[in-house]
Amino acid sequence: MKDSRYRSVVKTLSYRLIAIAITTTVTYILTRNILLSASVGGLDSLLKILLYYIHERMWAGVKWGRIFDSIDLKQKP
């Protein structure tokens, strides 16, 4: 059983929405500068979306720790 690329993208984006809100809020609290906060939040998210997606796809190929149903064993890779 493997996750689809679409599932990985959706998981990545949902996680990043939460993270961008936290990063932007903390930056704003520290700087009181909305433009800087938005810039830091945006750049941080773009980089982390890319890195998380790569990380997720690498882990999708690792069989360690997965539990397969008997139906999964009958499917071709």
Protein backbone atom coordinates (compact mmCIF):
# COMPACT_ATOMS: atom_id res chain seq x y z
CA MET A 1 0.00 0.00 0.00
CA LYS A 2 1.42 3.37 -1.02
CA ASP A 3 0.11 6.88 -0.68
CA SER A 4 -0.73 8.63 -3.91
CA ARG A 5 1.14 11.76 -4.90
CA TYR A 6 -2.13 13.71 -4.62
CA ARG A 7 -2.57 12.56 -1.02
CA SER A 8 0.97 13.65 -0.22
CA VAL A 9 0.31 17.09 -1.71
CA VAL A 10 -2.93 17.54 0.27
CA LYS A 11 -1.25 16.45 3.51
CA THR A 12 1.62 18.83 2.82
CA LEU A 13 -0.65 21.79 2.19
CA SER A 14 -2.89 21.19 5.21
CA TYR A 15 0.14 20.94 7.48
CA ARG A 16 1.68 24.08 6.00
CA LEU A 17 -1.49 26.14 6.48
CA ILE A 18 -1.22 25.55 10.20
CA ALA A 19 2.52 26.17 10.22
CA ILE A 20 2.35 29.40 8.19
CA ALA A 21 -0.20 30.79 10.63
CA ILE A 22 2.10 30.03 13.55
CA THR A 23 5.23 31.39 11.86
CA THR A 24 3.52 34.57 10.70
CA THR A 25 1.90 35.17 14.09
CA VAL A 26 5.11 34.63 16.07
CA THR A 27 7.07 36.85 13.67
CA TYR A 28 4.44 39.57 13.99
CA ILE A 29 4.46 39.36 17.80
CA LEU A 30 8.24 39.73 17.81
CA THR A 31 8.55 42.47 15.17
CA ARG A 32 5.15 44.20 14.99
CA ASN A 33 5.81 44.44 11.25
CA ILE A 34 3.07 42.86 9.14
CA LEU A 35 5.03 43.02 5.87
CA LEU A 36 8.05 41.31 7.39
CA SER A 37 5.81 38.75 9.08
CA ALA A 38 4.06 37.88 5.83
CA SER A 39 7.38 37.67 3.98
CA VAL A 40 8.96 35.39 6.57
CA GLY A 41 5.83 33.22 6.72
CA GLY A 42 5.62 32.96 2.94
CA LEU A 43 9.27 32.16 2.32
CA ASP A 44 9.37 29.71 5.20
CA SER A 45 6.32 27.91 3.84
CA LEU A 46 7.51 27.70 0.26
CA LEU A 47 10.78 26.12 1.31
CA LYS A 48 9.17 23.75 3.78
CA ILE A 49 6.43 22.65 1.36
CA LEU A 50 9.08 21.57 -1.11
CA LEU A 51 11.21 19.84 1.51
CA TYR A 52 8.24 18.12 3.17
CA TYR A 53 6.97 16.81 -0.16
CA ILE A 54 10.38 15.35 -0.97
CA HIS A 55 10.56 13.83 2.51
CA GLU A 56 7.04 12.38 2.21
CA ARG A 57 7.75 10.80 -1.18
CA MET A 58 10.97 9.26 0.10
CA TRP A 59 9.11 7.73 3.05
CA ALA A 60 6.35 6.47 0.74
CA GLY A 61 8.90 4.04 -0.70
CA VAL A 62 10.00 2.69 2.68
CA LYS A 63 8.25 -0.53 3.72
CA TRP A 64 9.51 -0.44 7.32
CA GLY A 65 6.71 -0.03 9.86
CA ARG A 66 3.83 -0.54 7.44
CA ILE A 67 1.06 -3.02 8.09
CA PHE A 68 -0.38 -4.58 4.97
CA ASP A 69 -3.85 -6.08 4.68
CA SER A 70 -4.26 -9.35 2.83
CA ILE A 71 -5.98 -7.38 0.04
CA ASP A 72 -2.88 -5.18 -0.32
CA LEU A 73 -0.68 -8.23 -0.80
CA LYS A 74 -2.72 -9.31 -3.84
CA GLN A 75 -2.31 -5.97 -5.62
CA LYS A 76 0.55 -5.49 -8.01
CA PRO A 77 3.02 -2.70 -7.16
